[in-house]
Amino acid sequence: MALFVEVVKAHSFRKAAEAMAMPNSTLSRRISGLEKAIGLRLLNRTTRKIELTEAGQLYFDRCKRIVDEARLAHEQLGEMLAHPSGLLRASLPVDFANIYLAPLIAEFARRYPGISFEFDLTPRQVDLVSEPVDVVIRMGEPADSNLIARKLASLSRRLYASPRYLELNGEPSDPSELVNHECLRLRKAGKWQLSHSGEVVEIEVGGRFQLNSVGMLRRLATLDLGIALLPEGIAADDLRTGLLQPVLPQWHANPIPVYALTETRLLPAKTQRFIEFLREQLEQA
């Protein structure tokens, strides 16, 4: 349609081809294809000029408005990409949001004052099809393979306990000794797999506490209740204040991935910018 409009406005295939920066033969072939698709001749061609047929005049009047509207829409979308706006609805894991994401969200909000936010902090699995959510941020591998998953970061994990707990119960010198300790575990976490210099061991740990909150695991560890396997960033503040200390510091667990999940790859500018910003900031961190 846009090529047809240009040909009519230029009164010439050659001039329109120059304006569109394409070969004259290509332009002519595209217009012929358009006429064939419609089933009507739109232009009468002579060696000196082109003239609109009756059908061509009607088609030009309609097409010009459509092409102008499309160009305006593209300009507006370009403006939205440069200055995204609207309501961004996101579901975030509670502890990760409070510890990692809160300062990043504050910076993102300062950069894009046209965006407002609605956050649902929950560990549950959100249905992106039926619930009004633009993006879901989750730790761990995605459970739903039908969603579009964009990896944001990988969080290193190590073992931590309070100095008081280790004073009362002794400090393990080998992963095998963890079976004799209170281990604070996530529900359905299974065995702890630890690595050191290429050596990998799996430990069937036990303990009285199984939770679905990393933040609560950290808090119980600071209260002398056991050894916790935590992302380094989650434990960082308590390490600085001395509430926690590393256990078996040479050993570490597999990093836990963080993903942004969406229903589709076609995202509005506000969602696209949010995901890109988090990935950039978390990679740097």
C-alpha atoms as a PDB file:
ATOM      1  CA  MET A   1       0.000   0.000   0.000  1.00  0.00           C
ATOM      2  CA  ALA A   2       2.764   2.419   0.935  1.00  0.00           C
ATOM      3  CA  LEU A   3       4.598   1.749  -2.350  1.00  0.00           C
ATOM      4  CA  PHE A   4       1.402   2.253  -4.334  1.00  0.00           C
ATOM      5  CA  VAL A   5       0.775   5.568  -2.586  1.00  0.00           C
ATOM      6  CA  GLU A   6       4.329   6.717  -3.370  1.00  0.00           C
ATOM      7  CA  VAL A   7       3.962   5.841  -7.059  1.00  0.00           C
ATOM      8  CA  VAL A   8       0.717   7.811  -7.331  1.00  0.00           C
ATOM      9  CA  LYS A   9       2.153  10.816  -5.484  1.00  0.00           C
ATOM     10  CA  ALA A  10       5.286  10.819  -7.672  1.00  0.00           C
ATOM     11  CA  HIS A  11       3.327  10.221 -10.914  1.00  0.00           C
ATOM     12  CA  SER A  12       6.200   7.989 -11.907  1.00  0.00           C
ATOM     13  CA  PHE A  13       7.675   4.576 -11.069  1.00  0.00           C
ATOM     14  CA  ARG A  14      11.187   5.902 -11.578  1.00  0.00           C
ATOM     15  CA  LYS A  15      10.777   8.868  -9.220  1.00  0.00           C
ATOM     16  CA  ALA A  16       9.011   6.726  -6.606  1.00  0.00           C
ATOM     17  CA  ALA A  17      11.750   4.097  -6.834  1.00  0.00           C
ATOM     18  CA  GLU A  18      14.404   6.760  -6.256  1.00  0.00           C
ATOM     19  CA  ALA A  19      12.459   8.132  -3.272  1.00  0.00           C
ATOM     20  CA  MET A  20      12.068   4.629  -1.803  1.00  0.00           C
ATOM     21  CA  ALA A  21      15.692   3.693  -2.564  1.00  0.00           C
ATOM     22  CA  MET A  22      14.776   0.534  -4.467  1.00  0.00           C
ATOM     23  CA  PRO A  23      15.225  -0.672  -8.065  1.00  0.00           C
ATOM     24  CA  ASN A  24      12.522   0.456 -10.494  1.00  0.00           C
ATOM     25  CA  SER A  25      11.981  -3.172 -11.574  1.00  0.00           C
ATOM     26  CA  THR A  26      11.348  -4.265  -7.996  1.00  0.00           C
ATOM     27  CA  LEU A  27       8.824  -1.493  -7.422  1.00  0.00           C
ATOM     28  CA  SER A  28       7.004  -2.321 -10.659  1.00  0.00           C
ATOM     29  CA  ARG A  29       6.888  -6.001  -9.719  1.00  0.00           C
ATOM     30  CA  ARG A  30       5.511  -5.220  -6.253  1.00  0.00           C
ATOM     31  CA  ILE A  31       2.712  -3.049  -7.681  1.00  0.00           C
ATOM     32  CA  SER A  32       1.862  -5.733 -10.232  1.00  0.00           C
ATOM     33  CA  GLY A  33       1.649  -8.225  -7.394  1.00  0.00           C
ATOM     34  CA  LEU A  34      -0.692  -5.880  -5.528  1.00  0.00           C
ATOM     35  CA  GLU A  35      -2.969  -5.585  -8.572  1.00  0.00           C
ATOM     36  CA  LYS A  36      -2.961  -9.361  -8.968  1.00  0.00           C
ATOM     37  CA  ALA A  37      -3.868  -9.860  -5.306  1.00  0.00           C
ATOM     38  CA  ILE A  38      -6.753  -7.371  -5.565  1.00  0.00           C
ATOM     39  CA  GLY A  39      -7.891  -8.665  -8.958  1.00  0.00           C
ATOM     40  CA  LEU A  40      -8.202  -5.199 -10.507  1.00  0.00           C
ATOM     41  CA  ARG A  41      -5.908  -2.915 -12.491  1.00  0.00           C
ATOM     42  CA  LEU A  42      -5.035   0.144 -10.419  1.00  0.00           C
ATOM     43  CA  LEU A  43      -2.758   2.013 -12.832  1.00  0.00           C
ATOM     44  CA  ASN A  44      -2.716   2.581 -16.578  1.00  0.00           C
ATOM     45  CA  ARG A  45       0.943   2.679 -17.592  1.00  0.00           C
ATOM     46  CA  THR A  46       2.309   4.467 -20.640  1.00  0.00           C
ATOM     47  CA  THR A  47       5.868   5.324 -21.588  1.00  0.00           C
ATOM     48  CA  ARG A  48       5.303   8.930 -20.577  1.00  0.00           C
ATOM     49  CA  LYS A  49       3.075   8.759 -17.478  1.00  0.00           C
ATOM     50  CA  ILE A  50       0.841   6.680 -15.272  1.00  0.00           C
ATOM     51  CA  GLU A  51      -2.840   7.277 -14.658  1.00  0.00           C
ATOM     52  CA  LEU A  52      -5.170   5.947 -11.988  1.00  0.00           C
ATOM     53  CA  THR A  53      -8.020   3.711 -13.046  1.00  0.00           C
ATOM     54  CA  GLU A  54     -11.392   4.190 -11.377  1.00  0.00           C
ATOM     55  CA  ALA A  55     -10.561   1.353  -9.007  1.00  0.00           C
ATOM     56  CA  GLY A  56      -7.087   2.836  -8.514  1.00  0.00           C
ATOM     57  CA  GLN A  57      -8.522   6.220  -7.498  1.00  0.00           C
ATOM     58  CA  LEU A  58     -10.819   4.616  -4.931  1.00  0.00           C
ATOM     59  CA  TYR A  59      -7.983   2.441  -3.636  1.00  0.00           C
ATOM     60  CA  PHE A  60      -5.590   5.421  -3.426  1.00  0.00           C
ATOM     61  CA  ASP A  61      -8.083   7.484  -1.391  1.00  0.00           C
ATOM     62  CA  ARG A  62      -8.441   4.656   1.136  1.00  0.00           C
ATOM     63  CA  CYS A  63      -4.767   3.632   1.127  1.00  0.00           C
ATOM     64  CA  LYS A  64      -3.411   7.114   1.697  1.00  0.00           C
ATOM     65  CA  ARG A  65      -5.372   7.423   4.957  1.00  0.00           C
ATOM     66  CA  ILE A  66      -4.292   3.938   6.072  1.00  0.00           C
ATOM     67  CA  VAL A  67      -0.623   4.596   5.265  1.00  0.00           C
ATOM     68  CA  ASP A  68      -0.706   7.961   7.044  1.00  0.00           C
ATOM     69  CA  GLU A  69      -2.305   6.341  10.107  1.00  0.00           C
ATOM     70  CA  ALA A  70       0.312   3.576  10.077  1.00  0.00           C
ATOM     71  CA  ARG A  71       3.161   6.082   9.921  1.00  0.00           C
ATOM     72  CA  LEU A  72       1.643   8.058  12.781  1.00  0.00           C
ATOM     73  CA  ALA A  73       1.265   4.844  14.800  1.00  0.00           C
ATOM     74  CA  HIS A  74       4.940   3.997  14.208  1.00  0.00           C
ATOM     75  CA  GLU A  75       5.966   7.482  15.315  1.00  0.00           C
ATOM     76  CA  GLN A  76       3.868   7.142  18.480  1.00  0.00           C
ATOM     77  CA  LEU A  77       5.313   3.703  19.204  1.00  0.00           C
ATOM     78  CA  GLY A  78       8.787   5.118  18.738  1.00  0.00           C
ATOM     79  CA  GLU A  79       7.936   7.808  21.265  1.00  0.00           C
ATOM     80  CA  MET A  80       6.660   5.128  23.665  1.00  0.00           C
ATOM     81  CA  LEU A  81       9.921   3.225  23.328  1.00  0.00           C
ATOM     82  CA  ALA A  82      11.889   6.360  24.118  1.00  0.00           C
ATOM     83  CA  HIS A  83       9.530   7.406  26.946  1.00  0.00           C
ATOM     84  CA  PRO A  84       7.554   4.318  28.075  1.00  0.00           C
ATOM     85  CA  SER A  85       4.491   4.901  30.212  1.00  0.00           C
ATOM     86  CA  GLY A  86       1.493   3.137  31.705  1.00  0.00           C
ATOM     87  CA  LEU A  87       0.854   0.675  34.529  1.00  0.00           C
ATOM     88  CA  LEU A  88       3.433  -2.106  34.949  1.00  0.00           C
ATOM     89  CA  ARG A  89       2.057  -5.122  36.832  1.00  0.00           C
ATOM     90  CA  ALA A  90       4.653  -7.589  38.108  1.00  0.00           C
ATOM     91  CA  SER A  91       4.702 -10.613  40.400  1.00  0.00           C
ATOM     92  CA  LEU A  92       7.899 -10.842  42.461  1.00  0.00           C
ATOM     93  CA  PRO A  93       9.320 -13.327  44.994  1.00  0.00           C
ATOM     94  CA  VAL A  94       9.091 -11.727  48.427  1.00  0.00           C
ATOM     95  CA  ASP A  95      12.659 -11.994  49.730  1.00  0.00           C
ATOM     96  CA  PHE A  96      14.370 -11.457  46.380  1.00  0.00           C
ATOM     97  CA  ALA A  97      12.244  -8.351  45.818  1.00  0.00           C
ATOM     98  CA  ASN A  98      12.987  -6.878  49.244  1.00  0.00           C
ATOM     99  CA  ILE A  99      16.729  -7.545  49.198  1.00  0.00           C
ATOM    100  CA  TYR A 100      17.778  -7.382  45.542  1.00  0.00           C
ATOM    101  CA  LEU A 101      15.056  -5.660  43.558  1.00  0.00           C
ATOM    102  CA  ALA A 102      13.871  -2.787  45.797  1.00  0.00           C
ATOM    103  CA  PRO A 103      16.862  -0.489  45.090  1.00  0.00           C
ATOM    104  CA  LEU A 104      16.782  -1.400  41.384  1.00  0.00           C
ATOM    105  CA  ILE A 105      13.059  -0.646  41.173  1.00  0.00           C
ATOM    106  CA  ALA A 106      13.685   2.722  42.826  1.00  0.00           C
ATOM    107  CA  GLU A 107      16.295   3.585  40.173  1.00  0.00           C
ATOM    108  CA  PHE A 108      14.040   2.341  37.358  1.00  0.00           C
ATOM    109  CA  ALA A 109      11.166   4.485  38.660  1.00  0.00           C
ATOM    110  CA  ARG A 110      13.427   7.558  38.652  1.00  0.00           C
ATOM    111  CA  ARG A 111      14.481   6.893  35.048  1.00  0.00           C
ATOM    112  CA  TYR A 112      10.922   6.393  33.773  1.00  0.00           C
ATOM    113  CA  PRO A 113       8.552   8.749  35.592  1.00  0.00           C
ATOM    114  CA  GLY A 114       5.726   7.923  33.170  1.00  0.00           C
ATOM    115  CA  ILE A 115       5.449   4.346  34.473  1.00  0.00           C
ATOM    116  CA  SER A 116       3.358   3.457  37.534  1.00  0.00           C
ATOM    117  CA  PHE A 117       3.665   0.121  39.334  1.00  0.00           C
ATOM    118  CA  GLU A 118       1.499  -2.621  40.801  1.00  0.00           C
ATOM    119  CA  PHE A 119       3.520  -5.375  42.512  1.00  0.00           C
ATOM    120  CA  ASP A 120       2.290  -8.685  43.892  1.00  0.00           C
ATOM    121  CA  LEU A 121       4.919 -10.179  46.226  1.00  0.00           C
ATOM    122  CA  THR A 122       4.197 -13.891  46.400  1.00  0.00           C
ATOM    123  CA  PRO A 123       5.940 -17.268  45.978  1.00  0.00           C
ATOM    124  CA  ARG A 124       2.940 -18.868  44.255  1.00  0.00           C
ATOM    125  CA  GLN A 125       2.811 -19.770  40.584  1.00  0.00           C
ATOM    126  CA  VAL A 126       1.002 -16.997  38.722  1.00  0.00           C
ATOM    127  CA  ASP A 127      -1.189 -17.713  35.677  1.00  0.00           C
ATOM    128  CA  LEU A 128      -0.073 -15.116  33.137  1.00  0.00           C
ATOM    129  CA  VAL A 129      -2.982 -15.978  30.847  1.00  0.00           C
ATOM    130  CA  SER A 130      -5.863 -15.431  33.269  1.00  0.00           C
ATOM    131  CA  GLU A 131      -4.323 -12.959  35.742  1.00  0.00           C
ATOM    132  CA  PRO A 132      -3.605  -9.271  35.034  1.00  0.00           C
ATOM    133  CA  VAL A 133       0.200  -9.535  35.265  1.00  0.00           C
ATOM    134  CA  ASP A 134       2.709  -8.267  32.683  1.00  0.00           C
ATOM    135  CA  VAL A 135       5.812 -10.067  33.963  1.00  0.00           C
ATOM    136  CA  VAL A 136       6.704 -12.610  36.652  1.00  0.00           C
ATOM    137  CA  ILE A 137      10.156 -12.700  38.282  1.00  0.00           C
ATOM    138  CA  ARG A 138      11.039 -16.092  39.749  1.00  0.00           C
ATOM    139  CA  MET A 139      14.058 -17.885  41.239  1.00  0.00           C
ATOM    140  CA  GLY A 140      14.767 -21.398  39.957  1.00  0.00           C
ATOM    141  CA  GLU A 141      14.078 -23.117  36.659  1.00  0.00           C
ATOM    142  CA  PRO A 142      10.636 -22.283  35.186  1.00  0.00           C
ATOM    143  CA  ALA A 143       7.965 -24.919  35.787  1.00  0.00           C
ATOM    144  CA  ASP A 144       5.815 -23.900  32.771  1.00  0.00           C
ATOM    145  CA  SER A 145       7.567 -24.530  29.446  1.00  0.00           C
ATOM    146  CA  ASN A 146       4.855 -22.584  27.571  1.00  0.00           C
ATOM    147  CA  LEU A 147       6.031 -19.262  29.002  1.00  0.00           C
ATOM    148  CA  ILE A 148       8.784 -17.100  27.532  1.00  0.00           C
ATOM    149  CA  ALA A 149      11.694 -17.201  30.001  1.00  0.00           C
ATOM    150  CA  ARG A 150      14.473 -14.599  29.952  1.00  0.00           C
ATOM    151  CA  LYS A 151      17.360 -15.301  32.317  1.00  0.00           C
ATOM    152  CA  LEU A 152      18.279 -12.293  34.447  1.00  0.00           C
ATOM    153  CA  ALA A 153      21.035 -13.624  36.718  1.00  0.00           C
ATOM    154  CA  SER A 154      22.558 -16.591  38.533  1.00  0.00           C
ATOM    155  CA  LEU A 155      22.930 -16.269  42.311  1.00  0.00           C
ATOM    156  CA  SER A 156      25.876 -17.993  44.008  1.00  0.00           C
ATOM    157  CA  ARG A 157      24.915 -20.013  47.107  1.00  0.00           C
ATOM    158  CA  ARG A 158      26.958 -20.999  50.154  1.00  0.00           C
ATOM    159  CA  LEU A 159      26.452 -22.332  53.674  1.00  0.00           C
ATOM    160  CA  TYR A 160      26.000 -20.003  56.656  1.00  0.00           C
ATOM    161  CA  ALA A 161      25.281 -20.261  60.369  1.00  0.00           C
ATOM    162  CA  SER A 162      25.408 -17.989  63.386  1.00  0.00           C
ATOM    163  CA  PRO A 163      28.569 -17.937  65.555  1.00  0.00           C
ATOM    164  CA  ARG A 164      26.445 -19.026  68.535  1.00  0.00           C
ATOM    165  CA  TYR A 165      25.071 -22.092  66.727  1.00  0.00           C
ATOM    166  CA  LEU A 166      28.587 -23.179  65.725  1.00  0.00           C
ATOM    167  CA  GLU A 167      29.830 -22.569  69.263  1.00  0.00           C
ATOM    168  CA  LEU A 168      27.123 -24.832  70.681  1.00  0.00           C
ATOM    169  CA  ASN A 169      27.163 -27.543  67.997  1.00  0.00           C
ATOM    170  CA  GLY A 170      30.646 -27.424  66.521  1.00  0.00           C
ATOM    171  CA  GLU A 171      31.706 -26.377  63.048  1.00  0.00           C
ATOM    172  CA  PRO A 172      31.719 -29.081  60.341  1.00  0.00           C
ATOM    173  CA  SER A 173      35.052 -29.598  58.595  1.00  0.00           C
ATOM    174  CA  ASP A 174      33.662 -31.798  55.814  1.00  0.00           C
ATOM    175  CA  PRO A 175      30.280 -31.871  54.001  1.00  0.00           C
ATOM    176  CA  SER A 176      29.631 -35.391  55.312  1.00  0.00           C
ATOM    177  CA  GLU A 177      29.368 -33.937  58.839  1.00  0.00           C
ATOM    178  CA  LEU A 178      26.279 -31.917  57.855  1.00  0.00           C
ATOM    179  CA  VAL A 179      24.116 -34.981  58.576  1.00  0.00           C
ATOM    180  CA  ASN A 180      24.830 -34.374  62.274  1.00  0.00           C
ATOM    181  CA  HIS A 181      23.573 -30.766  62.166  1.00  0.00           C
ATOM    182  CA  GLU A 182      20.275 -28.901  62.084  1.00  0.00           C
ATOM    183  CA  CYS A 183      19.967 -27.831  58.425  1.00  0.00           C
ATOM    184  CA  LEU A 184      17.433 -25.165  57.532  1.00  0.00           C
ATOM    185  CA  ARG A 185      15.911 -26.257  54.232  1.00  0.00           C
ATOM    186  CA  LEU A 186      13.574 -25.045  51.537  1.00  0.00           C
ATOM    187  CA  ARG A 187      10.578 -27.317  51.036  1.00  0.00           C
ATOM    188  CA  LYS A 188      11.054 -29.908  48.258  1.00  0.00           C
ATOM    189  CA  ALA A 189      14.733 -28.961  48.011  1.00  0.00           C
ATOM    190  CA  GLY A 190      15.882 -32.588  48.327  1.00  0.00           C
ATOM    191  CA  LYS A 191      19.572 -33.275  48.899  1.00  0.00           C
ATOM    192  CA  TRP A 192      22.160 -30.539  49.148  1.00  0.00           C
ATOM    193  CA  GLN A 193      24.671 -30.777  46.290  1.00  0.00           C
ATOM    194  CA  LEU A 194      28.002 -29.079  47.053  1.00  0.00           C
ATOM    195  CA  SER A 195      31.072 -28.549  44.875  1.00  0.00           C
ATOM    196  CA  HIS A 196      34.736 -27.798  45.528  1.00  0.00           C
ATOM    197  CA  SER A 197      37.601 -27.852  42.981  1.00  0.00           C
ATOM    198  CA  GLY A 198      35.718 -30.165  40.655  1.00  0.00           C
ATOM    199  CA  GLU A 199      34.566 -32.525  43.418  1.00  0.00           C
ATOM    200  CA  VAL A 200      30.786 -32.820  43.806  1.00  0.00           C
ATOM    201  CA  VAL A 201      29.014 -34.410  46.789  1.00  0.00           C
ATOM    202  CA  GLU A 202      25.345 -34.902  47.642  1.00  0.00           C
ATOM    203  CA  ILE A 203      24.315 -34.782  51.276  1.00  0.00           C
ATOM    204  CA  GLU A 204      20.989 -36.061  52.652  1.00  0.00           C
ATOM    205  CA  VAL A 205      20.567 -33.329  55.263  1.00  0.00           C
ATOM    206  CA  GLY A 206      17.938 -33.203  57.985  1.00  0.00           C
ATOM    207  CA  GLY A 207      16.478 -30.760  60.462  1.00  0.00           C
ATOM    208  CA  ARG A 208      13.264 -29.586  62.056  1.00  0.00           C
ATOM    209  CA  PHE A 209      12.594 -26.658  59.711  1.00  0.00           C
ATOM    210  CA  GLN A 210      11.412 -26.776  56.093  1.00  0.00           C
ATOM    211  CA  LEU A 211      10.205 -23.467  54.640  1.00  0.00           C
ATOM    212  CA  ASN A 212       9.173 -21.799  51.406  1.00  0.00           C
ATOM    213  CA  SER A 213      10.910 -18.501  52.237  1.00  0.00           C
ATOM    214  CA  VAL A 214      14.604 -17.769  51.773  1.00  0.00           C
ATOM    215  CA  GLY A 215      14.259 -14.708  53.983  1.00  0.00           C
ATOM    216  CA  MET A 216      12.834 -16.801  56.818  1.00  0.00           C
ATOM    217  CA  LEU A 217      15.681 -19.321  56.431  1.00  0.00           C
ATOM    218  CA  ARG A 218      18.163 -16.475  56.816  1.00  0.00           C
ATOM    219  CA  ARG A 219      16.330 -15.109  59.852  1.00  0.00           C
ATOM    220  CA  LEU A 220      16.224 -18.502  61.599  1.00  0.00           C
ATOM    221  CA  ALA A 221      19.932 -18.968  60.918  1.00  0.00           C
ATOM    222  CA  THR A 222      20.685 -15.641  62.637  1.00  0.00           C
ATOM    223  CA  LEU A 223      18.627 -16.910  65.613  1.00  0.00           C
ATOM    224  CA  ASP A 224      21.041 -19.832  66.137  1.00  0.00           C
ATOM    225  CA  LEU A 225      18.673 -22.526  64.830  1.00  0.00           C
ATOM    226  CA  GLY A 226      20.875 -24.179  62.216  1.00  0.00           C
ATOM    227  CA  ILE A 227      22.905 -24.063  59.016  1.00  0.00           C
ATOM    228  CA  ALA A 228      21.280 -22.502  55.934  1.00  0.00           C
ATOM    229  CA  LEU A 229      22.150 -22.678  52.240  1.00  0.00           C
ATOM    230  CA  LEU A 230      21.660 -19.094  51.030  1.00  0.00           C
ATOM    231  CA  PRO A 231      22.445 -16.873  48.043  1.00  0.00           C
ATOM    232  CA  GLU A 232      25.477 -14.748  48.902  1.00  0.00           C
ATOM    233  CA  GLY A 233      23.544 -11.508  48.457  1.00  0.00           C
ATOM    234  CA  ILE A 234      20.846 -12.632  50.895  1.00  0.00           C
ATOM    235  CA  ALA A 235      23.452 -13.286  53.608  1.00  0.00           C
ATOM    236  CA  ALA A 236      25.685 -10.282  52.862  1.00  0.00           C
ATOM    237  CA  ASP A 237      24.278  -7.844  55.457  1.00  0.00           C
ATOM    238  CA  ASP A 238      24.307 -10.442  58.238  1.00  0.00           C
ATOM    239  CA  LEU A 239      27.894 -11.350  57.375  1.00  0.00           C
ATOM    240  CA  ARG A 240      28.927  -7.709  57.725  1.00  0.00           C
ATOM    241  CA  THR A 241      27.240  -7.382  61.116  1.00  0.00           C
ATOM    242  CA  GLY A 242      28.528 -10.727  62.383  1.00  0.00           C
ATOM    243  CA  LEU A 243      25.111 -12.365  62.768  1.00  0.00           C
ATOM    244  CA  LEU A 244      26.187 -15.060  60.295  1.00  0.00           C
ATOM    245  CA  GLN A 245      29.498 -16.562  59.254  1.00  0.00           C
ATOM    246  CA  PRO A 246      30.451 -18.931  56.401  1.00  0.00           C
ATOM    247  CA  VAL A 247      30.401 -22.685  56.959  1.00  0.00           C
ATOM    248  CA  LEU A 248      32.671 -24.889  54.817  1.00  0.00           C
ATOM    249  CA  PRO A 249      33.674 -21.749  52.872  1.00  0.00           C
ATOM    250  CA  GLN A 250      35.487 -23.687  50.109  1.00  0.00           C
ATOM    251  CA  TRP A 251      32.263 -25.474  49.183  1.00  0.00           C
ATOM    252  CA  HIS A 252      29.371 -23.974  47.244  1.00  0.00           C
ATOM    253  CA  ALA A 253      26.066 -25.105  45.769  1.00  0.00           C
ATOM    254  CA  ASN A 254      24.955 -24.738  42.166  1.00  0.00           C
ATOM    255  CA  PRO A 255      23.935 -21.121  41.442  1.00  0.00           C
ATOM    256  CA  ILE A 256      20.195 -20.515  41.451  1.00  0.00           C
ATOM    257  CA  PRO A 257      18.915 -18.834  38.254  1.00  0.00           C
ATOM    258  CA  VAL A 258      16.540 -15.882  38.188  1.00  0.00           C
ATOM    259  CA  TYR A 259      14.104 -15.544  35.281  1.00  0.00           C
ATOM    260  CA  ALA A 260      11.643 -13.011  33.937  1.00  0.00           C
ATOM    261  CA  LEU A 261       8.587 -14.877  32.633  1.00  0.00           C
ATOM    262  CA  THR A 262       6.097 -13.476  30.125  1.00  0.00           C
ATOM    263  CA  GLU A 263       3.255 -14.966  28.110  1.00  0.00           C
ATOM    264  CA  THR A 264       4.574 -13.615  24.796  1.00  0.00           C
ATOM    265  CA  ARG A 265       7.720 -12.253  23.175  1.00  0.00           C
ATOM    266  CA  LEU A 266       5.787  -9.191  21.947  1.00  0.00           C
ATOM    267  CA  LEU A 267       6.058  -6.868  24.921  1.00  0.00           C
ATOM    268  CA  PRO A 268       4.978  -3.263  25.449  1.00  0.00           C
ATOM    269  CA  ALA A 269       7.815  -0.807  25.954  1.00  0.00           C
ATOM    270  CA  LYS A 270       7.287  -0.535  29.734  1.00  0.00           C
ATOM    271  CA  THR A 271       7.704  -4.311  30.239  1.00  0.00           C
ATOM    272  CA  GLN A 272      10.564  -4.607  27.776  1.00  0.00           C
ATOM    273  CA  ARG A 273      12.476  -1.769  29.449  1.00  0.00           C
ATOM    274  CA  PHE A 274      11.875  -3.250  32.927  1.00  0.00           C
ATOM    275  CA  ILE A 275      13.260  -6.669  31.967  1.00  0.00           C
ATOM    276  CA  GLU A 276      16.256  -5.171  30.137  1.00  0.00           C
ATOM    277  CA  PHE A 277      17.033  -2.908  33.093  1.00  0.00           C
ATOM    278  CA  LEU A 278      16.908  -5.747  35.640  1.00  0.00           C
ATOM    279  CA  ARG A 279      19.096  -7.984  33.498  1.00  0.00           C
ATOM    280  CA  GLU A 280      21.669  -5.230  33.021  1.00  0.00           C
ATOM    281  CA  GLN A 281      21.779  -4.279  36.707  1.00  0.00           C
ATOM    282  CA  LEU A 282      21.809  -7.829  38.053  1.00  0.00           C
ATOM    283  CA  GLU A 283      24.584  -8.860  35.658  1.00  0.00           C
ATOM    284  CA  GLN A 284      26.685  -5.931  36.852  1.00  0.00           C
ATOM    285  CA  ALA A 285      25.973  -6.803  40.486  1.00  0.00           C
END
